[in-house]
Amino acid sequence: LLDGGRAQLGAVSRVLAELGISVPL
């Protein structure tokens, strides 16, 4: 769970994609 909106969600999604990790957000 992220405290924020779509922008935080997009930033974290990109990091996880770079790391090759799948975590529900």
PDBML (XML) file of the C-alpha atoms, coordinates in Angstrom:
<?xml version="1.0" encoding="UTF-8" ?>
<PDBx:datablock datablockName="MODEL"
   xmlns:PDBx="http://pdbml.pdb.org/schema/pdbx-v50.xsd"
   xmlns:xsi="http://www.w3.org/2001/XMLSchema-instance"
   xsi:schemaLocation="http://pdbml.pdb.org/schema/pdbx-v50.xsd pdbx-v50.xsd">
   <PDBx:atom_siteCategory>
      <PDBx:atom_site id="1">
         <PDBx:B_iso_or_equiv>0.00</PDBx:B_iso_or_equiv>
         <PDBx:Cartn_x>0.000</PDBx:Cartn_x>
         <PDBx:Cartn_y>0.000</PDBx:Cartn_y>
         <PDBx:Cartn_z>0.000</PDBx:Cartn_z>
         <PDBx:auth_asym_id>A</PDBx:auth_asym_id>
         <PDBx:auth_atom_id>CA</PDBx:auth_atom_id>
         <PDBx:auth_comp_id>LEU</PDBx:auth_comp_id>
         <PDBx:auth_seq_id>1</PDBx:auth_seq_id>
         <PDBx:group_PDB>ATOM</PDBx:group_PDB>
         <PDBx:label_alt_id xsi:nil="true" />
         <PDBx:label_asym_id>A</PDBx:label_asym_id>
         <PDBx:label_atom_id>CA</PDBx:label_atom_id>
         <PDBx:label_comp_id>LEU</PDBx:label_comp_id>
         <PDBx:label_entity_id>1</PDBx:label_entity_id>
         <PDBx:label_seq_id>1</PDBx:label_seq_id>
         <PDBx:occupancy>1.00</PDBx:occupancy>
         <PDBx:pdbx_PDB_model_num>1</PDBx:pdbx_PDB_model_num>
         <PDBx:type_symbol>C</PDBx:type_symbol>
      </PDBx:atom_site>
      <PDBx:atom_site id="2">
         <PDBx:B_iso_or_equiv>0.00</PDBx:B_iso_or_equiv>
         <PDBx:Cartn_x>1.361</PDBx:Cartn_x>
         <PDBx:Cartn_y>3.414</PDBx:Cartn_y>
         <PDBx:Cartn_z>-1.036</PDBx:Cartn_z>
         <PDBx:auth_asym_id>A</PDBx:auth_asym_id>
         <PDBx:auth_atom_id>CA</PDBx:auth_atom_id>
         <PDBx:auth_comp_id>LEU</PDBx:auth_comp_id>
         <PDBx:auth_seq_id>2</PDBx:auth_seq_id>
         <PDBx:group_PDB>ATOM</PDBx:group_PDB>
         <PDBx:label_alt_id xsi:nil="true" />
         <PDBx:label_asym_id>A</PDBx:label_asym_id>
         <PDBx:label_atom_id>CA</PDBx:label_atom_id>
         <PDBx:label_comp_id>LEU</PDBx:label_comp_id>
         <PDBx:label_entity_id>1</PDBx:label_entity_id>
         <PDBx:label_seq_id>2</PDBx:label_seq_id>
         <PDBx:occupancy>1.00</PDBx:occupancy>
         <PDBx:pdbx_PDB_model_num>1</PDBx:pdbx_PDB_model_num>
         <PDBx:type_symbol>C</PDBx:type_symbol>
      </PDBx:atom_site>
      <PDBx:atom_site id="3">
         <PDBx:B_iso_or_equiv>0.00</PDBx:B_iso_or_equiv>
         <PDBx:Cartn_x>0.307</PDBx:Cartn_x>
         <PDBx:Cartn_y>6.672</PDBx:Cartn_y>
         <PDBx:Cartn_z>0.580</PDBx:Cartn_z>
         <PDBx:auth_asym_id>A</PDBx:auth_asym_id>
         <PDBx:auth_atom_id>CA</PDBx:auth_atom_id>
         <PDBx:auth_comp_id>ASP</PDBx:auth_comp_id>
         <PDBx:auth_seq_id>3</PDBx:auth_seq_id>
         <PDBx:group_PDB>ATOM</PDBx:group_PDB>
         <PDBx:label_alt_id xsi:nil="true" />
         <PDBx:label_asym_id>A</PDBx:label_asym_id>
         <PDBx:label_atom_id>CA</PDBx:label_atom_id>
         <PDBx:label_comp_id>ASP</PDBx:label_comp_id>
         <PDBx:label_entity_id>1</PDBx:label_entity_id>
         <PDBx:label_seq_id>3</PDBx:label_seq_id>
         <PDBx:occupancy>1.00</PDBx:occupancy>
         <PDBx:pdbx_PDB_model_num>1</PDBx:pdbx_PDB_model_num>
         <PDBx:type_symbol>C</PDBx:type_symbol>
      </PDBx:atom_site>
      <PDBx:atom_site id="4">
         <PDBx:B_iso_or_equiv>0.00</PDBx:B_iso_or_equiv>
         <PDBx:Cartn_x>-0.309</PDBx:Cartn_x>
         <PDBx:Cartn_y>8.726</PDBx:Cartn_y>
         <PDBx:Cartn_z>-2.539</PDBx:Cartn_z>
         <PDBx:auth_asym_id>A</PDBx:auth_asym_id>
         <PDBx:auth_atom_id>CA</PDBx:auth_atom_id>
         <PDBx:auth_comp_id>GLY</PDBx:auth_comp_id>
         <PDBx:auth_seq_id>4</PDBx:auth_seq_id>
         <PDBx:group_PDB>ATOM</PDBx:group_PDB>
         <PDBx:label_alt_id xsi:nil="true" />
         <PDBx:label_asym_id>A</PDBx:label_asym_id>
         <PDBx:label_atom_id>CA</PDBx:label_atom_id>
         <PDBx:label_comp_id>GLY</PDBx:label_comp_id>
         <PDBx:label_entity_id>1</PDBx:label_entity_id>
         <PDBx:label_seq_id>4</PDBx:label_seq_id>
         <PDBx:occupancy>1.00</PDBx:occupancy>
         <PDBx:pdbx_PDB_model_num>1</PDBx:pdbx_PDB_model_num>
         <PDBx:type_symbol>C</PDBx:type_symbol>
      </PDBx:atom_site>
      <PDBx:atom_site id="5">
         <PDBx:B_iso_or_equiv>0.00</PDBx:B_iso_or_equiv>
         <PDBx:Cartn_x>-2.088</PDBx:Cartn_x>
         <PDBx:Cartn_y>8.763</PDBx:Cartn_y>
         <PDBx:Cartn_z>-5.865</PDBx:Cartn_z>
         <PDBx:auth_asym_id>A</PDBx:auth_asym_id>
         <PDBx:auth_atom_id>CA</PDBx:auth_atom_id>
         <PDBx:auth_comp_id>GLY</PDBx:auth_comp_id>
         <PDBx:auth_seq_id>5</PDBx:auth_seq_id>
         <PDBx:group_PDB>ATOM</PDBx:group_PDB>
         <PDBx:label_alt_id xsi:nil="true" />
         <PDBx:label_asym_id>A</PDBx:label_asym_id>
         <PDBx:label_atom_id>CA</PDBx:label_atom_id>
         <PDBx:label_comp_id>GLY</PDBx:label_comp_id>
         <PDBx:label_entity_id>1</PDBx:label_entity_id>
         <PDBx:label_seq_id>5</PDBx:label_seq_id>
         <PDBx:occupancy>1.00</PDBx:occupancy>
         <PDBx:pdbx_PDB_model_num>1</PDBx:pdbx_PDB_model_num>
         <PDBx:type_symbol>C</PDBx:type_symbol>
      </PDBx:atom_site>
      <PDBx:atom_site id="6">
         <PDBx:B_iso_or_equiv>0.00</PDBx:B_iso_or_equiv>
         <PDBx:Cartn_x>-1.549</PDBx:Cartn_x>
         <PDBx:Cartn_y>7.691</PDBx:Cartn_y>
         <PDBx:Cartn_z>-9.453</PDBx:Cartn_z>
         <PDBx:auth_asym_id>A</PDBx:auth_asym_id>
         <PDBx:auth_atom_id>CA</PDBx:auth_atom_id>
         <PDBx:auth_comp_id>ARG</PDBx:auth_comp_id>
         <PDBx:auth_seq_id>6</PDBx:auth_seq_id>
         <PDBx:group_PDB>ATOM</PDBx:group_PDB>
         <PDBx:label_alt_id xsi:nil="true" />
         <PDBx:label_asym_id>A</PDBx:label_asym_id>
         <PDBx:label_atom_id>CA</PDBx:label_atom_id>
         <PDBx:label_comp_id>ARG</PDBx:label_comp_id>
         <PDBx:label_entity_id>1</PDBx:label_entity_id>
         <PDBx:label_seq_id>6</PDBx:label_seq_id>
         <PDBx:occupancy>1.00</PDBx:occupancy>
         <PDBx:pdbx_PDB_model_num>1</PDBx:pdbx_PDB_model_num>
         <PDBx:type_symbol>C</PDBx:type_symbol>
      </PDBx:atom_site>
      <PDBx:atom_site id="7">
         <PDBx:B_iso_or_equiv>0.00</PDBx:B_iso_or_equiv>
         <PDBx:Cartn_x>1.841</PDBx:Cartn_x>
         <PDBx:Cartn_y>9.425</PDBx:Cartn_y>
         <PDBx:Cartn_z>-9.705</PDBx:Cartn_z>
         <PDBx:auth_asym_id>A</PDBx:auth_asym_id>
         <PDBx:auth_atom_id>CA</PDBx:auth_atom_id>
         <PDBx:auth_comp_id>ALA</PDBx:auth_comp_id>
         <PDBx:auth_seq_id>7</PDBx:auth_seq_id>
         <PDBx:group_PDB>ATOM</PDBx:group_PDB>
         <PDBx:label_alt_id xsi:nil="true" />
         <PDBx:label_asym_id>A</PDBx:label_asym_id>
         <PDBx:label_atom_id>CA</PDBx:label_atom_id>
         <PDBx:label_comp_id>ALA</PDBx:label_comp_id>
         <PDBx:label_entity_id>1</PDBx:label_entity_id>
         <PDBx:label_seq_id>7</PDBx:label_seq_id>
         <PDBx:occupancy>1.00</PDBx:occupancy>
         <PDBx:pdbx_PDB_model_num>1</PDBx:pdbx_PDB_model_num>
         <PDBx:type_symbol>C</PDBx:type_symbol>
      </PDBx:atom_site>
      <PDBx:atom_site id="8">
         <PDBx:B_iso_or_equiv>0.00</PDBx:B_iso_or_equiv>
         <PDBx:Cartn_x>3.319</PDBx:Cartn_x>
         <PDBx:Cartn_y>7.475</PDBx:Cartn_y>
         <PDBx:Cartn_z>-6.779</PDBx:Cartn_z>
         <PDBx:auth_asym_id>A</PDBx:auth_asym_id>
         <PDBx:auth_atom_id>CA</PDBx:auth_atom_id>
         <PDBx:auth_comp_id>GLN</PDBx:auth_comp_id>
         <PDBx:auth_seq_id>8</PDBx:auth_seq_id>
         <PDBx:group_PDB>ATOM</PDBx:group_PDB>
         <PDBx:label_alt_id xsi:nil="true" />
         <PDBx:label_asym_id>A</PDBx:label_asym_id>
         <PDBx:label_atom_id>CA</PDBx:label_atom_id>
         <PDBx:label_comp_id>GLN</PDBx:label_comp_id>
         <PDBx:label_entity_id>1</PDBx:label_entity_id>
         <PDBx:label_seq_id>8</PDBx:label_seq_id>
         <PDBx:occupancy>1.00</PDBx:occupancy>
         <PDBx:pdbx_PDB_model_num>1</PDBx:pdbx_PDB_model_num>
         <PDBx:type_symbol>C</PDBx:type_symbol>
      </PDBx:atom_site>
      <PDBx:atom_site id="9">
         <PDBx:B_iso_or_equiv>0.00</PDBx:B_iso_or_equiv>
         <PDBx:Cartn_x>1.739</PDBx:Cartn_x>
         <PDBx:Cartn_y>4.319</PDBx:Cartn_y>
         <PDBx:Cartn_z>-8.150</PDBx:Cartn_z>
         <PDBx:auth_asym_id>A</PDBx:auth_asym_id>
         <PDBx:auth_atom_id>CA</PDBx:auth_atom_id>
         <PDBx:auth_comp_id>LEU</PDBx:auth_comp_id>
         <PDBx:auth_seq_id>9</PDBx:auth_seq_id>
         <PDBx:group_PDB>ATOM</PDBx:group_PDB>
         <PDBx:label_alt_id xsi:nil="true" />
         <PDBx:label_asym_id>A</PDBx:label_asym_id>
         <PDBx:label_atom_id>CA</PDBx:label_atom_id>
         <PDBx:label_comp_id>LEU</PDBx:label_comp_id>
         <PDBx:label_entity_id>1</PDBx:label_entity_id>
         <PDBx:label_seq_id>9</PDBx:label_seq_id>
         <PDBx:occupancy>1.00</PDBx:occupancy>
         <PDBx:pdbx_PDB_model_num>1</PDBx:pdbx_PDB_model_num>
         <PDBx:type_symbol>C</PDBx:type_symbol>
      </PDBx:atom_site>
      <PDBx:atom_site id="10">
         <PDBx:B_iso_or_equiv>0.00</PDBx:B_iso_or_equiv>
         <PDBx:Cartn_x>3.366</PDBx:Cartn_x>
         <PDBx:Cartn_y>4.866</PDBx:Cartn_y>
         <PDBx:Cartn_z>-11.553</PDBx:Cartn_z>
         <PDBx:auth_asym_id>A</PDBx:auth_asym_id>
         <PDBx:auth_atom_id>CA</PDBx:auth_atom_id>
         <PDBx:auth_comp_id>GLY</PDBx:auth_comp_id>
         <PDBx:auth_seq_id>10</PDBx:auth_seq_id>
         <PDBx:group_PDB>ATOM</PDBx:group_PDB>
         <PDBx:label_alt_id xsi:nil="true" />
         <PDBx:label_asym_id>A</PDBx:label_asym_id>
         <PDBx:label_atom_id>CA</PDBx:label_atom_id>
         <PDBx:label_comp_id>GLY</PDBx:label_comp_id>
         <PDBx:label_entity_id>1</PDBx:label_entity_id>
         <PDBx:label_seq_id>10</PDBx:label_seq_id>
         <PDBx:occupancy>1.00</PDBx:occupancy>
         <PDBx:pdbx_PDB_model_num>1</PDBx:pdbx_PDB_model_num>
         <PDBx:type_symbol>C</PDBx:type_symbol>
      </PDBx:atom_site>
      <PDBx:atom_site id="11">
         <PDBx:B_iso_or_equiv>0.00</PDBx:B_iso_or_equiv>
         <PDBx:Cartn_x>6.795</PDBx:Cartn_x>
         <PDBx:Cartn_y>5.625</PDBx:Cartn_y>
         <PDBx:Cartn_z>-10.059</PDBx:Cartn_z>
         <PDBx:auth_asym_id>A</PDBx:auth_asym_id>
         <PDBx:auth_atom_id>CA</PDBx:auth_atom_id>
         <PDBx:auth_comp_id>ALA</PDBx:auth_comp_id>
         <PDBx:auth_seq_id>11</PDBx:auth_seq_id>
         <PDBx:group_PDB>ATOM</PDBx:group_PDB>
         <PDBx:label_alt_id xsi:nil="true" />
         <PDBx:label_asym_id>A</PDBx:label_asym_id>
         <PDBx:label_atom_id>CA</PDBx:label_atom_id>
         <PDBx:label_comp_id>ALA</PDBx:label_comp_id>
         <PDBx:label_entity_id>1</PDBx:label_entity_id>
         <PDBx:label_seq_id>11</PDBx:label_seq_id>
         <PDBx:occupancy>1.00</PDBx:occupancy>
         <PDBx:pdbx_PDB_model_num>1</PDBx:pdbx_PDB_model_num>
         <PDBx:type_symbol>C</PDBx:type_symbol>
      </PDBx:atom_site>
      <PDBx:atom_site id="12">
         <PDBx:B_iso_or_equiv>0.00</PDBx:B_iso_or_equiv>
         <PDBx:Cartn_x>6.782</PDBx:Cartn_x>
         <PDBx:Cartn_y>2.489</PDBx:Cartn_y>
         <PDBx:Cartn_z>-7.917</PDBx:Cartn_z>
         <PDBx:auth_asym_id>A</PDBx:auth_asym_id>
         <PDBx:auth_atom_id>CA</PDBx:auth_atom_id>
         <PDBx:auth_comp_id>VAL</PDBx:auth_comp_id>
         <PDBx:auth_seq_id>12</PDBx:auth_seq_id>
         <PDBx:group_PDB>ATOM</PDBx:group_PDB>
         <PDBx:label_alt_id xsi:nil="true" />
         <PDBx:label_asym_id>A</PDBx:label_asym_id>
         <PDBx:label_atom_id>CA</PDBx:label_atom_id>
         <PDBx:label_comp_id>VAL</PDBx:label_comp_id>
         <PDBx:label_entity_id>1</PDBx:label_entity_id>
         <PDBx:label_seq_id>12</PDBx:label_seq_id>
         <PDBx:occupancy>1.00</PDBx:occupancy>
         <PDBx:pdbx_PDB_model_num>1</PDBx:pdbx_PDB_model_num>
         <PDBx:type_symbol>C</PDBx:type_symbol>
      </PDBx:atom_site>
      <PDBx:atom_site id="13">
         <PDBx:B_iso_or_equiv>0.00</PDBx:B_iso_or_equiv>
         <PDBx:Cartn_x>5.452</PDBx:Cartn_x>
         <PDBx:Cartn_y>0.325</PDBx:Cartn_y>
         <PDBx:Cartn_z>-10.759</PDBx:Cartn_z>
         <PDBx:auth_asym_id>A</PDBx:auth_asym_id>
         <PDBx:auth_atom_id>CA</PDBx:auth_atom_id>
         <PDBx:auth_comp_id>SER</PDBx:auth_comp_id>
         <PDBx:auth_seq_id>13</PDBx:auth_seq_id>
         <PDBx:group_PDB>ATOM</PDBx:group_PDB>
         <PDBx:label_alt_id xsi:nil="true" />
         <PDBx:label_asym_id>A</PDBx:label_asym_id>
         <PDBx:label_atom_id>CA</PDBx:label_atom_id>
         <PDBx:label_comp_id>SER</PDBx:label_comp_id>
         <PDBx:label_entity_id>1</PDBx:label_entity_id>
         <PDBx:label_seq_id>13</PDBx:label_seq_id>
         <PDBx:occupancy>1.00</PDBx:occupancy>
         <PDBx:pdbx_PDB_model_num>1</PDBx:pdbx_PDB_model_num>
         <PDBx:type_symbol>C</PDBx:type_symbol>
      </PDBx:atom_site>
      <PDBx:atom_site id="14">
         <PDBx:B_iso_or_equiv>0.00</PDBx:B_iso_or_equiv>
         <PDBx:Cartn_x>8.371</PDBx:Cartn_x>
         <PDBx:Cartn_y>1.400</PDBx:Cartn_y>
         <PDBx:Cartn_z>-12.932</PDBx:Cartn_z>
         <PDBx:auth_asym_id>A</PDBx:auth_asym_id>
         <PDBx:auth_atom_id>CA</PDBx:auth_atom_id>
         <PDBx:auth_comp_id>ARG</PDBx:auth_comp_id>
         <PDBx:auth_seq_id>14</PDBx:auth_seq_id>
         <PDBx:group_PDB>ATOM</PDBx:group_PDB>
         <PDBx:label_alt_id xsi:nil="true" />
         <PDBx:label_asym_id>A</PDBx:label_asym_id>
         <PDBx:label_atom_id>CA</PDBx:label_atom_id>
         <PDBx:label_comp_id>ARG</PDBx:label_comp_id>
         <PDBx:label_entity_id>1</PDBx:label_entity_id>
         <PDBx:label_seq_id>14</PDBx:label_seq_id>
         <PDBx:occupancy>1.00</PDBx:occupancy>
         <PDBx:pdbx_PDB_model_num>1</PDBx:pdbx_PDB_model_num>
         <PDBx:type_symbol>C</PDBx:type_symbol>
      </PDBx:atom_site>
      <PDBx:atom_site id="15">
         <PDBx:B_iso_or_equiv>0.00</PDBx:B_iso_or_equiv>
         <PDBx:Cartn_x>10.914</PDBx:Cartn_x>
         <PDBx:Cartn_y>0.552</PDBx:Cartn_y>
         <PDBx:Cartn_z>-10.218</PDBx:Cartn_z>
         <PDBx:auth_asym_id>A</PDBx:auth_asym_id>
         <PDBx:auth_atom_id>CA</PDBx:auth_atom_id>
         <PDBx:auth_comp_id>VAL</PDBx:auth_comp_id>
         <PDBx:auth_seq_id>15</PDBx:auth_seq_id>
         <PDBx:group_PDB>ATOM</PDBx:group_PDB>
         <PDBx:label_alt_id xsi:nil="true" />
         <PDBx:label_asym_id>A</PDBx:label_asym_id>
         <PDBx:label_atom_id>CA</PDBx:label_atom_id>
         <PDBx:label_comp_id>VAL</PDBx:label_comp_id>
         <PDBx:label_entity_id>1</PDBx:label_entity_id>
         <PDBx:label_seq_id>15</PDBx:label_seq_id>
         <PDBx:occupancy>1.00</PDBx:occupancy>
         <PDBx:pdbx_PDB_model_num>1</PDBx:pdbx_PDB_model_num>
         <PDBx:type_symbol>C</PDBx:type_symbol>
      </PDBx:atom_site>
      <PDBx:atom_site id="16">
         <PDBx:B_iso_or_equiv>0.00</PDBx:B_iso_or_equiv>
         <PDBx:Cartn_x>9.435</PDBx:Cartn_x>
         <PDBx:Cartn_y>-2.903</PDBx:Cartn_y>
         <PDBx:Cartn_z>-9.679</PDBx:Cartn_z>
         <PDBx:auth_asym_id>A</PDBx:auth_asym_id>
         <PDBx:auth_atom_id>CA</PDBx:auth_atom_id>
         <PDBx:auth_comp_id>LEU</PDBx:auth_comp_id>
         <PDBx:auth_seq_id>16</PDBx:auth_seq_id>
         <PDBx:group_PDB>ATOM</PDBx:group_PDB>
         <PDBx:label_alt_id xsi:nil="true" />
         <PDBx:label_asym_id>A</PDBx:label_asym_id>
         <PDBx:label_atom_id>CA</PDBx:label_atom_id>
         <PDBx:label_comp_id>LEU</PDBx:label_comp_id>
         <PDBx:label_entity_id>1</PDBx:label_entity_id>
         <PDBx:label_seq_id>16</PDBx:label_seq_id>
         <PDBx:occupancy>1.00</PDBx:occupancy>
         <PDBx:pdbx_PDB_model_num>1</PDBx:pdbx_PDB_model_num>
         <PDBx:type_symbol>C</PDBx:type_symbol>
      </PDBx:atom_site>
      <PDBx:atom_site id="17">
         <PDBx:B_iso_or_equiv>0.00</PDBx:B_iso_or_equiv>
         <PDBx:Cartn_x>9.435</PDBx:Cartn_x>
         <PDBx:Cartn_y>-3.516</PDBx:Cartn_y>
         <PDBx:Cartn_z>-13.420</PDBx:Cartn_z>
         <PDBx:auth_asym_id>A</PDBx:auth_asym_id>
         <PDBx:auth_atom_id>CA</PDBx:auth_atom_id>
         <PDBx:auth_comp_id>ALA</PDBx:auth_comp_id>
         <PDBx:auth_seq_id>17</PDBx:auth_seq_id>
         <PDBx:group_PDB>ATOM</PDBx:group_PDB>
         <PDBx:label_alt_id xsi:nil="true" />
         <PDBx:label_asym_id>A</PDBx:label_asym_id>
         <PDBx:label_atom_id>CA</PDBx:label_atom_id>
         <PDBx:label_comp_id>ALA</PDBx:label_comp_id>
         <PDBx:label_entity_id>1</PDBx:label_entity_id>
         <PDBx:label_seq_id>17</PDBx:label_seq_id>
         <PDBx:occupancy>1.00</PDBx:occupancy>
         <PDBx:pdbx_PDB_model_num>1</PDBx:pdbx_PDB_model_num>
         <PDBx:type_symbol>C</PDBx:type_symbol>
      </PDBx:atom_site>
      <PDBx:atom_site id="18">
         <PDBx:B_iso_or_equiv>0.00</PDBx:B_iso_or_equiv>
         <PDBx:Cartn_x>13.121</PDBx:Cartn_x>
         <PDBx:Cartn_y>-2.547</PDBx:Cartn_y>
         <PDBx:Cartn_z>-13.589</PDBx:Cartn_z>
         <PDBx:auth_asym_id>A</PDBx:auth_asym_id>
         <PDBx:auth_atom_id>CA</PDBx:auth_atom_id>
         <PDBx:auth_comp_id>GLU</PDBx:auth_comp_id>
         <PDBx:auth_seq_id>18</PDBx:auth_seq_id>
         <PDBx:group_PDB>ATOM</PDBx:group_PDB>
         <PDBx:label_alt_id xsi:nil="true" />
         <PDBx:label_asym_id>A</PDBx:label_asym_id>
         <PDBx:label_atom_id>CA</PDBx:label_atom_id>
         <PDBx:label_comp_id>GLU</PDBx:label_comp_id>
         <PDBx:label_entity_id>1</PDBx:label_entity_id>
         <PDBx:label_seq_id>18</PDBx:label_seq_id>
         <PDBx:occupancy>1.00</PDBx:occupancy>
         <PDBx:pdbx_PDB_model_num>1</PDBx:pdbx_PDB_model_num>
         <PDBx:type_symbol>C</PDBx:type_symbol>
      </PDBx:atom_site>
      <PDBx:atom_site id="19">
         <PDBx:B_iso_or_equiv>0.00</PDBx:B_iso_or_equiv>
         <PDBx:Cartn_x>13.867</PDBx:Cartn_x>
         <PDBx:Cartn_y>-4.983</PDBx:Cartn_y>
         <PDBx:Cartn_z>-10.752</PDBx:Cartn_z>
         <PDBx:auth_asym_id>A</PDBx:auth_asym_id>
         <PDBx:auth_atom_id>CA</PDBx:auth_atom_id>
         <PDBx:auth_comp_id>LEU</PDBx:auth_comp_id>
         <PDBx:auth_seq_id>19</PDBx:auth_seq_id>
         <PDBx:group_PDB>ATOM</PDBx:group_PDB>
         <PDBx:label_alt_id xsi:nil="true" />
         <PDBx:label_asym_id>A</PDBx:label_asym_id>
         <PDBx:label_atom_id>CA</PDBx:label_atom_id>
         <PDBx:label_comp_id>LEU</PDBx:label_comp_id>
         <PDBx:label_entity_id>1</PDBx:label_entity_id>
         <PDBx:label_seq_id>19</PDBx:label_seq_id>
         <PDBx:occupancy>1.00</PDBx:occupancy>
         <PDBx:pdbx_PDB_model_num>1</PDBx:pdbx_PDB_model_num>
         <PDBx:type_symbol>C</PDBx:type_symbol>
      </PDBx:atom_site>
      <PDBx:atom_site id="20">
         <PDBx:B_iso_or_equiv>0.00</PDBx:B_iso_or_equiv>
         <PDBx:Cartn_x>11.844</PDBx:Cartn_x>
         <PDBx:Cartn_y>-7.723</PDBx:Cartn_y>
         <PDBx:Cartn_z>-12.442</PDBx:Cartn_z>
         <PDBx:auth_asym_id>A</PDBx:auth_asym_id>
         <PDBx:auth_atom_id>CA</PDBx:auth_atom_id>
         <PDBx:auth_comp_id>GLY</PDBx:auth_comp_id>
         <PDBx:auth_seq_id>20</PDBx:auth_seq_id>
         <PDBx:group_PDB>ATOM</PDBx:group_PDB>
         <PDBx:label_alt_id xsi:nil="true" />
         <PDBx:label_asym_id>A</PDBx:label_asym_id>
         <PDBx:label_atom_id>CA</PDBx:label_atom_id>
         <PDBx:label_comp_id>GLY</PDBx:label_comp_id>
         <PDBx:label_entity_id>1</PDBx:label_entity_id>
         <PDBx:label_seq_id>20</PDBx:label_seq_id>
         <PDBx:occupancy>1.00</PDBx:occupancy>
         <PDBx:pdbx_PDB_model_num>1</PDBx:pdbx_PDB_model_num>
         <PDBx:type_symbol>C</PDBx:type_symbol>
      </PDBx:atom_site>
      <PDBx:atom_site id="21">
         <PDBx:B_iso_or_equiv>0.00</PDBx:B_iso_or_equiv>
         <PDBx:Cartn_x>9.607</PDBx:Cartn_x>
         <PDBx:Cartn_y>-8.058</PDBx:Cartn_y>
         <PDBx:Cartn_z>-9.370</PDBx:Cartn_z>
         <PDBx:auth_asym_id>A</PDBx:auth_asym_id>
         <PDBx:auth_atom_id>CA</PDBx:auth_atom_id>
         <PDBx:auth_comp_id>ILE</PDBx:auth_comp_id>
         <PDBx:auth_seq_id>21</PDBx:auth_seq_id>
         <PDBx:group_PDB>ATOM</PDBx:group_PDB>
         <PDBx:label_alt_id xsi:nil="true" />
         <PDBx:label_asym_id>A</PDBx:label_asym_id>
         <PDBx:label_atom_id>CA</PDBx:label_atom_id>
         <PDBx:label_comp_id>ILE</PDBx:label_comp_id>
         <PDBx:label_entity_id>1</PDBx:label_entity_id>
         <PDBx:label_seq_id>21</PDBx:label_seq_id>
         <PDBx:occupancy>1.00</PDBx:occupancy>
         <PDBx:pdbx_PDB_model_num>1</PDBx:pdbx_PDB_model_num>
         <PDBx:type_symbol>C</PDBx:type_symbol>
      </PDBx:atom_site>
      <PDBx:atom_site id="22">
         <PDBx:B_iso_or_equiv>0.00</PDBx:B_iso_or_equiv>
         <PDBx:Cartn_x>5.863</PDBx:Cartn_x>
         <PDBx:Cartn_y>-8.579</PDBx:Cartn_y>
         <PDBx:Cartn_z>-9.295</PDBx:Cartn_z>
         <PDBx:auth_asym_id>A</PDBx:auth_asym_id>
         <PDBx:auth_atom_id>CA</PDBx:auth_atom_id>
         <PDBx:auth_comp_id>SER</PDBx:auth_comp_id>
         <PDBx:auth_seq_id>22</PDBx:auth_seq_id>
         <PDBx:group_PDB>ATOM</PDBx:group_PDB>
         <PDBx:label_alt_id xsi:nil="true" />
         <PDBx:label_asym_id>A</PDBx:label_asym_id>
         <PDBx:label_atom_id>CA</PDBx:label_atom_id>
         <PDBx:label_comp_id>SER</PDBx:label_comp_id>
         <PDBx:label_entity_id>1</PDBx:label_entity_id>
         <PDBx:label_seq_id>22</PDBx:label_seq_id>
         <PDBx:occupancy>1.00</PDBx:occupancy>
         <PDBx:pdbx_PDB_model_num>1</PDBx:pdbx_PDB_model_num>
         <PDBx:type_symbol>C</PDBx:type_symbol>
      </PDBx:atom_site>
      <PDBx:atom_site id="23">
         <PDBx:B_iso_or_equiv>0.00</PDBx:B_iso_or_equiv>
         <PDBx:Cartn_x>4.131</PDBx:Cartn_x>
         <PDBx:Cartn_y>-7.224</PDBx:Cartn_y>
         <PDBx:Cartn_z>-6.175</PDBx:Cartn_z>
         <PDBx:auth_asym_id>A</PDBx:auth_asym_id>
         <PDBx:auth_atom_id>CA</PDBx:auth_atom_id>
         <PDBx:auth_comp_id>VAL</PDBx:auth_comp_id>
         <PDBx:auth_seq_id>23</PDBx:auth_seq_id>
         <PDBx:group_PDB>ATOM</PDBx:group_PDB>
         <PDBx:label_alt_id xsi:nil="true" />
         <PDBx:label_asym_id>A</PDBx:label_asym_id>
         <PDBx:label_atom_id>CA</PDBx:label_atom_id>
         <PDBx:label_comp_id>VAL</PDBx:label_comp_id>
         <PDBx:label_entity_id>1</PDBx:label_entity_id>
         <PDBx:label_seq_id>23</PDBx:label_seq_id>
         <PDBx:occupancy>1.00</PDBx:occupancy>
         <PDBx:pdbx_PDB_model_num>1</PDBx:pdbx_PDB_model_num>
         <PDBx:type_symbol>C</PDBx:type_symbol>
      </PDBx:atom_site>
      <PDBx:atom_site id="24">
         <PDBx:B_iso_or_equiv>0.00</PDBx:B_iso_or_equiv>
         <PDBx:Cartn_x>0.433</PDBx:Cartn_x>
         <PDBx:Cartn_y>-6.251</PDBx:Cartn_y>
         <PDBx:Cartn_z>-6.106</PDBx:Cartn_z>
         <PDBx:auth_asym_id>A</PDBx:auth_asym_id>
         <PDBx:auth_atom_id>CA</PDBx:auth_atom_id>
         <PDBx:auth_comp_id>PRO</PDBx:auth_comp_id>
         <PDBx:auth_seq_id>24</PDBx:auth_seq_id>
         <PDBx:group_PDB>ATOM</PDBx:group_PDB>
         <PDBx:label_alt_id xsi:nil="true" />
         <PDBx:label_asym_id>A</PDBx:label_asym_id>
         <PDBx:label_atom_id>CA</PDBx:label_atom_id>
         <PDBx:label_comp_id>PRO</PDBx:label_comp_id>
         <PDBx:label_entity_id>1</PDBx:label_entity_id>
         <PDBx:label_seq_id>24</PDBx:label_seq_id>
         <PDBx:occupancy>1.00</PDBx:occupancy>
         <PDBx:pdbx_PDB_model_num>1</PDBx:pdbx_PDB_model_num>
         <PDBx:type_symbol>C</PDBx:type_symbol>
      </PDBx:atom_site>
      <PDBx:atom_site id="25">
         <PDBx:B_iso_or_equiv>0.00</PDBx:B_iso_or_equiv>
         <PDBx:Cartn_x>0.094</PDBx:Cartn_x>
         <PDBx:Cartn_y>-2.505</PDBx:Cartn_y>
         <PDBx:Cartn_z>-5.516</PDBx:Cartn_z>
         <PDBx:auth_asym_id>A</PDBx:auth_asym_id>
         <PDBx:auth_atom_id>CA</PDBx:auth_atom_id>
         <PDBx:auth_comp_id>LEU</PDBx:auth_comp_id>
         <PDBx:auth_seq_id>25</PDBx:auth_seq_id>
         <PDBx:group_PDB>ATOM</PDBx:group_PDB>
         <PDBx:label_alt_id xsi:nil="true" />
         <PDBx:label_asym_id>A</PDBx:label_asym_id>
         <PDBx:label_atom_id>CA</PDBx:label_atom_id>
         <PDBx:label_comp_id>LEU</PDBx:label_comp_id>
         <PDBx:label_entity_id>1</PDBx:label_entity_id>
         <PDBx:label_seq_id>25</PDBx:label_seq_id>
         <PDBx:occupancy>1.00</PDBx:occupancy>
         <PDBx:pdbx_PDB_model_num>1</PDBx:pdbx_PDB_model_num>
         <PDBx:type_symbol>C</PDBx:type_symbol>
      </PDBx:atom_site>
   </PDBx:atom_siteCategory>
</PDBx:datablock>
